[in-house]
Amino acid sequence: MPSISAIFLQLNQRESKRIMIDKELLEILACPEDKTPVHMAEQMIIDQINGRIEKGEIKNRGGETVENPLDGGLIREDGAFLYPIDDGIPIMLIDEAIPLVL
């Protein structure tokens, strides 16, 4: 059984990975392709994508292999694409979007 300090350390590490986007900014951000709203990706989705990035399995819409793990992401309303968040900055470029639906 893990110690209480180990549990708090795990929780703190999870919290430190979580990226927050100002609510007002999130309300005005939209997919640059079709202008639909975007929403924050759940950490579970980011973790799954990062696992695939580590294996070299993720390519962006520009056809480039994504090499760096994501801090977070914004998912287009239809769930088709994720726009990465890098160092707290949403990368709202069509070629940088990661397809979520194959």
N, C-alpha and C. Protein backbone atom coordinates (compact mmCIF):
# COMPACT_ATOMS: atom_id res chain seq x y z
N MET A 1 0.85 -1.19 0.00
CA MET A 1 0.00 0.00 0.00
C MET A 1 0.89 1.24 0.00
N PRO A 2 0.62 2.20 -0.93
CA PRO A 2 1.47 3.40 -0.99
C PRO A 2 1.26 4.29 0.23
N SER A 3 2.31 4.99 0.60
CA SER A 3 2.21 5.90 1.74
C SER A 3 1.37 7.12 1.34
N ILE A 4 0.91 7.84 2.35
CA ILE A 4 0.11 9.04 2.10
C ILE A 4 0.94 10.07 1.35
N SER A 5 2.21 10.20 1.68
CA SER A 5 3.04 11.18 0.97
C SER A 5 3.21 10.79 -0.49
N ALA A 6 3.29 9.50 -0.79
CA ALA A 6 3.40 9.06 -2.18
C ALA A 6 2.12 9.38 -2.95
N ILE A 7 0.97 9.21 -2.30
CA ILE A 7 -0.31 9.53 -2.95
C ILE A 7 -0.39 11.02 -3.24
N PHE A 8 -0.01 11.87 -2.26
CA PHE A 8 -0.04 13.31 -2.49
C PHE A 8 0.93 13.71 -3.59
N LEU A 9 2.08 13.07 -3.67
CA LEU A 9 3.05 13.36 -4.72
C LEU A 9 2.44 13.04 -6.08
N GLN A 10 1.77 11.89 -6.20
CA GLN A 10 1.13 11.53 -7.46
C GLN A 10 0.05 12.54 -7.83
N LEU A 11 -0.76 12.95 -6.86
CA LEU A 11 -1.80 13.93 -7.13
C LEU A 11 -1.21 15.26 -7.56
N ASN A 12 -0.15 15.70 -6.89
CA ASN A 12 0.50 16.96 -7.23
C ASN A 12 1.09 16.90 -8.63
N GLN A 13 1.67 15.75 -9.01
CA GLN A 13 2.23 15.61 -10.35
C GLN A 13 1.12 15.69 -11.38
N ARG A 14 -0.01 15.07 -11.13
CA ARG A 14 -1.14 15.14 -12.05
C ARG A 14 -1.64 16.57 -12.18
N GLU A 15 -1.76 17.25 -11.05
CA GLU A 15 -2.25 18.63 -11.07
C GLU A 15 -1.28 19.53 -11.81
N SER A 16 0.02 19.31 -11.66
CA SER A 16 0.99 20.18 -12.32
C SER A 16 0.96 19.99 -13.83
N LYS A 17 0.51 18.81 -14.30
CA LYS A 17 0.40 18.58 -15.74
C LYS A 17 -0.83 19.24 -16.33
N ARG A 18 -1.82 19.50 -15.51
CA ARG A 18 -3.09 20.04 -15.99
C ARG A 18 -2.89 21.49 -16.43
N ILE A 19 -3.30 21.78 -17.64
CA ILE A 19 -3.19 23.12 -18.19
C ILE A 19 -4.55 23.78 -18.13
N MET A 20 -4.55 25.02 -17.71
CA MET A 20 -5.81 25.76 -17.64
C MET A 20 -5.76 26.88 -18.68
N ILE A 21 -6.87 27.05 -19.37
CA ILE A 21 -7.04 28.15 -20.30
C ILE A 21 -8.12 29.05 -19.71
N ASP A 22 -7.87 30.34 -19.71
CA ASP A 22 -8.84 31.29 -19.20
C ASP A 22 -10.20 31.06 -19.87
N LYS A 23 -11.26 31.06 -19.08
CA LYS A 23 -12.60 30.77 -19.58
C LYS A 23 -12.99 31.73 -20.71
N GLU A 24 -12.68 33.01 -20.57
CA GLU A 24 -13.01 33.99 -21.60
C GLU A 24 -12.26 33.71 -22.89
N LEU A 25 -10.99 33.32 -22.79
CA LEU A 25 -10.21 32.98 -23.98
C LEU A 25 -10.79 31.74 -24.65
N LEU A 26 -11.13 30.74 -23.85
CA LEU A 26 -11.70 29.51 -24.38
C LEU A 26 -13.00 29.78 -25.13
N GLU A 27 -13.78 30.73 -24.64
CA GLU A 27 -15.06 31.07 -25.30
C GLU A 27 -14.86 31.70 -26.67
N ILE A 28 -13.73 32.38 -26.89
CA ILE A 28 -13.53 33.02 -28.20
C ILE A 28 -12.69 32.17 -29.15
N LEU A 29 -11.97 31.17 -28.63
CA LEU A 29 -11.19 30.30 -29.50
C LEU A 29 -12.11 29.42 -30.33
N ALA A 30 -11.71 29.19 -31.57
CA ALA A 30 -12.50 28.34 -32.46
C ALA A 30 -11.55 27.63 -33.41
N CYS A 31 -12.02 26.54 -33.98
CA CYS A 31 -11.25 25.82 -34.98
C CYS A 31 -10.98 26.77 -36.15
N PRO A 32 -9.72 26.89 -36.58
CA PRO A 32 -9.42 27.81 -37.69
C PRO A 32 -9.97 27.31 -39.03
N GLU A 33 -10.29 26.04 -39.11
CA GLU A 33 -10.79 25.48 -40.37
C GLU A 33 -12.29 25.74 -40.57
N ASP A 34 -13.08 25.38 -39.56
CA ASP A 34 -14.53 25.49 -39.74
C ASP A 34 -15.22 26.44 -38.73
N LYS A 35 -14.41 27.09 -37.90
CA LYS A 35 -14.88 28.11 -36.94
C LYS A 35 -15.81 27.57 -35.86
N THR A 36 -15.82 26.24 -35.64
CA THR A 36 -16.64 25.68 -34.57
C THR A 36 -15.90 25.81 -33.24
N PRO A 37 -16.65 25.78 -32.14
CA PRO A 37 -16.02 25.91 -30.81
C PRO A 37 -15.08 24.74 -30.51
N VAL A 38 -14.19 24.99 -29.57
CA VAL A 38 -13.28 23.96 -29.06
C VAL A 38 -13.46 23.88 -27.55
N HIS A 39 -13.09 22.73 -26.99
CA HIS A 39 -13.14 22.57 -25.53
C HIS A 39 -11.88 21.87 -25.06
N MET A 40 -11.57 22.03 -23.79
CA MET A 40 -10.37 21.42 -23.21
C MET A 40 -10.46 19.90 -23.27
N ALA A 41 -9.36 19.28 -23.66
CA ALA A 41 -9.28 17.82 -23.66
C ALA A 41 -9.09 17.33 -22.23
N GLU A 42 -9.73 16.25 -21.90
CA GLU A 42 -9.55 15.63 -20.59
C GLU A 42 -8.13 15.08 -20.48
N GLN A 43 -7.60 15.06 -19.28
CA GLN A 43 -6.23 14.59 -19.07
C GLN A 43 -6.05 13.15 -19.54
N MET A 44 -7.08 12.32 -19.42
CA MET A 44 -6.99 10.94 -19.86
C MET A 44 -6.69 10.87 -21.36
N ILE A 45 -7.31 11.74 -22.15
CA ILE A 45 -7.07 11.77 -23.60
C ILE A 45 -5.64 12.22 -23.88
N ILE A 46 -5.20 13.26 -23.18
CA ILE A 46 -3.82 13.75 -23.35
C ILE A 46 -2.83 12.65 -23.01
N ASP A 47 -3.07 11.93 -21.92
CA ASP A 47 -2.17 10.83 -21.53
C ASP A 47 -2.12 9.74 -22.58
N GLN A 48 -3.28 9.41 -23.17
CA GLN A 48 -3.31 8.39 -24.22
C GLN A 48 -2.54 8.85 -25.45
N ILE A 49 -2.76 10.10 -25.85
CA ILE A 49 -2.04 10.63 -27.01
C ILE A 49 -0.54 10.68 -26.73
N ASN A 50 -0.16 11.11 -25.53
CA ASN A 50 1.27 11.17 -25.19
C ASN A 50 1.91 9.79 -25.22
N GLY A 51 1.17 8.76 -24.83
CA GLY A 51 1.70 7.40 -24.91
C GLY A 51 1.97 7.00 -26.35
N ARG A 52 1.08 7.41 -27.25
CA ARG A 52 1.26 7.11 -28.67
C ARG A 52 2.36 7.98 -29.29
N ILE A 53 2.51 9.22 -28.80
CA ILE A 53 3.60 10.08 -29.26
C ILE A 53 4.93 9.43 -28.91
N GLU A 54 5.02 8.91 -27.70
CA GLU A 54 6.24 8.25 -27.24
C GLU A 54 6.64 7.09 -28.15
N LYS A 55 5.63 6.42 -28.72
CA LYS A 55 5.88 5.28 -29.62
C LYS A 55 6.06 5.72 -31.07
N GLY A 56 5.95 7.02 -31.34
CA GLY A 56 6.11 7.54 -32.69
C GLY A 56 4.90 7.28 -33.58
N GLU A 57 3.73 7.12 -32.98
CA GLU A 57 2.53 6.75 -33.72
C GLU A 57 1.64 7.93 -34.12
N ILE A 58 1.97 9.13 -33.71
CA ILE A 58 1.07 10.27 -33.95
C ILE A 58 1.67 11.21 -34.99
N LYS A 59 0.85 11.50 -36.01
CA LYS A 59 1.21 12.51 -37.02
C LYS A 59 0.16 13.61 -36.97
N ASN A 60 0.60 14.84 -37.22
CA ASN A 60 -0.35 15.94 -37.28
C ASN A 60 -0.92 16.03 -38.70
N ARG A 61 -1.83 16.96 -38.92
CA ARG A 61 -2.46 17.09 -40.23
C ARG A 61 -1.48 17.49 -41.32
N GLY A 62 -0.38 18.09 -40.94
CA GLY A 62 0.66 18.44 -41.90
C GLY A 62 1.51 17.25 -42.31
N GLY A 63 1.25 16.08 -41.69
CA GLY A 63 1.98 14.86 -42.04
C GLY A 63 3.26 14.66 -41.25
N GLU A 64 3.55 15.55 -40.31
CA GLU A 64 4.78 15.43 -39.51
C GLU A 64 4.52 14.58 -38.27
N THR A 65 5.49 13.75 -37.92
CA THR A 65 5.40 12.97 -36.69
C THR A 65 5.52 13.91 -35.50
N VAL A 66 4.59 13.82 -34.57
CA VAL A 66 4.63 14.64 -33.35
C VAL A 66 5.64 14.00 -32.41
N GLU A 67 6.65 14.76 -32.02
CA GLU A 67 7.75 14.22 -31.22
C GLU A 67 7.69 14.60 -29.75
N ASN A 68 7.09 15.75 -29.44
CA ASN A 68 7.07 16.23 -28.06
C ASN A 68 5.72 15.95 -27.41
N PRO A 69 5.75 15.50 -26.15
CA PRO A 69 4.48 15.25 -25.45
C PRO A 69 3.68 16.54 -25.32
N LEU A 70 2.37 16.36 -25.27
CA LEU A 70 1.47 17.51 -25.16
C LEU A 70 1.29 17.93 -23.71
N ASP A 71 1.19 19.24 -23.49
CA ASP A 71 0.84 19.77 -22.17
C ASP A 71 -0.67 19.67 -21.97
N GLY A 72 -1.38 19.81 -23.07
CA GLY A 72 -2.84 19.78 -23.06
C GLY A 72 -3.32 19.91 -24.48
N GLY A 73 -4.62 20.07 -24.65
CA GLY A 73 -5.15 20.22 -25.99
C GLY A 73 -6.57 20.73 -25.99
N LEU A 74 -6.96 21.25 -27.14
CA LEU A 74 -8.31 21.73 -27.36
C LEU A 74 -8.93 20.87 -28.45
N ILE A 75 -10.08 20.32 -28.18
CA ILE A 75 -10.75 19.42 -29.12
C ILE A 75 -11.85 20.18 -29.85
N ARG A 76 -11.85 20.02 -31.16
CA ARG A 76 -12.89 20.63 -31.98
C ARG A 76 -14.25 20.05 -31.61
N GLU A 77 -15.28 20.83 -31.76
CA GLU A 77 -16.64 20.46 -31.35
C GLU A 77 -17.07 19.08 -31.84
N ASP A 78 -16.70 18.71 -33.08
CA ASP A 78 -17.11 17.41 -33.62
C ASP A 78 -16.19 16.28 -33.18
N GLY A 79 -15.14 16.59 -32.42
CA GLY A 79 -14.24 15.57 -31.90
C GLY A 79 -13.23 15.04 -32.92
N ALA A 80 -13.16 15.66 -34.08
CA ALA A 80 -12.29 15.16 -35.14
C ALA A 80 -10.82 15.51 -34.94
N PHE A 81 -10.53 16.66 -34.34
CA PHE A 81 -9.15 17.12 -34.23
C PHE A 81 -8.86 17.70 -32.85
N LEU A 82 -7.61 17.58 -32.45
CA LEU A 82 -7.13 18.18 -31.22
C LEU A 82 -6.05 19.19 -31.58
N TYR A 83 -6.19 20.40 -31.08
CA TYR A 83 -5.16 21.42 -31.25
C TYR A 83 -4.29 21.41 -30.00
N PRO A 84 -2.98 21.19 -30.18
CA PRO A 84 -2.11 21.06 -29.01
C PRO A 84 -1.95 22.37 -28.24
N ILE A 85 -1.67 22.22 -26.97
CA ILE A 85 -1.29 23.35 -26.12
C ILE A 85 0.17 23.14 -25.76
N ASP A 86 0.99 24.13 -26.09
CA ASP A 86 2.42 24.06 -25.85
C ASP A 86 2.82 25.17 -24.90
N ASP A 87 3.30 24.79 -23.73
CA ASP A 87 3.73 25.76 -22.72
C ASP A 87 2.62 26.76 -22.41
N GLY A 88 1.38 26.24 -22.34
CA GLY A 88 0.23 27.07 -21.99
C GLY A 88 -0.37 27.85 -23.15
N ILE A 89 0.19 27.69 -24.36
CA ILE A 89 -0.28 28.45 -25.52
C ILE A 89 -0.98 27.51 -26.50
N PRO A 90 -2.26 27.75 -26.80
CA PRO A 90 -2.95 26.92 -27.79
C PRO A 90 -2.36 27.15 -29.18
N ILE A 91 -2.04 26.07 -29.86
CA ILE A 91 -1.48 26.14 -31.22
C ILE A 91 -2.65 25.90 -32.19
N MET A 92 -3.26 26.98 -32.64
CA MET A 92 -4.48 26.90 -33.44
C MET A 92 -4.15 26.98 -34.93
N LEU A 93 -3.28 26.08 -35.38
CA LEU A 93 -2.91 26.00 -36.79
C LEU A 93 -3.42 24.68 -37.35
N ILE A 94 -4.05 24.74 -38.52
CA ILE A 94 -4.65 23.55 -39.12
C ILE A 94 -3.63 22.42 -39.26
N ASP A 95 -2.44 22.73 -39.76
CA ASP A 95 -1.42 21.68 -39.97
C ASP A 95 -0.90 21.06 -38.68
N GLU A 96 -1.05 21.77 -37.55
CA GLU A 96 -0.56 21.25 -36.27
C GLU A 96 -1.61 20.41 -35.55
N ALA A 97 -2.85 20.44 -36.04
CA ALA A 97 -3.94 19.66 -35.41
C ALA A 97 -3.64 18.18 -35.50
N ILE A 98 -4.05 17.45 -34.48
CA ILE A 98 -3.86 16.00 -34.42
C ILE A 98 -5.21 15.34 -34.67
N PRO A 99 -5.31 14.51 -35.71
CA PRO A 99 -6.58 13.81 -35.98
C PRO A 99 -6.91 12.85 -34.85
N LEU A 100 -8.16 12.89 -34.40
CA LEU A 100 -8.62 11.97 -33.35
C LEU A 100 -9.48 10.86 -33.92
N VAL A 101 -10.03 11.09 -35.11
CA VAL A 101 -10.90 10.10 -35.75
C VAL A 101 -10.20 9.63 -37.01
N LEU A 102 -10.05 8.32 -37.15
CA LEU A 102 -9.40 7.79 -38.37
C LEU A 102 -10.42 7.24 -39.32
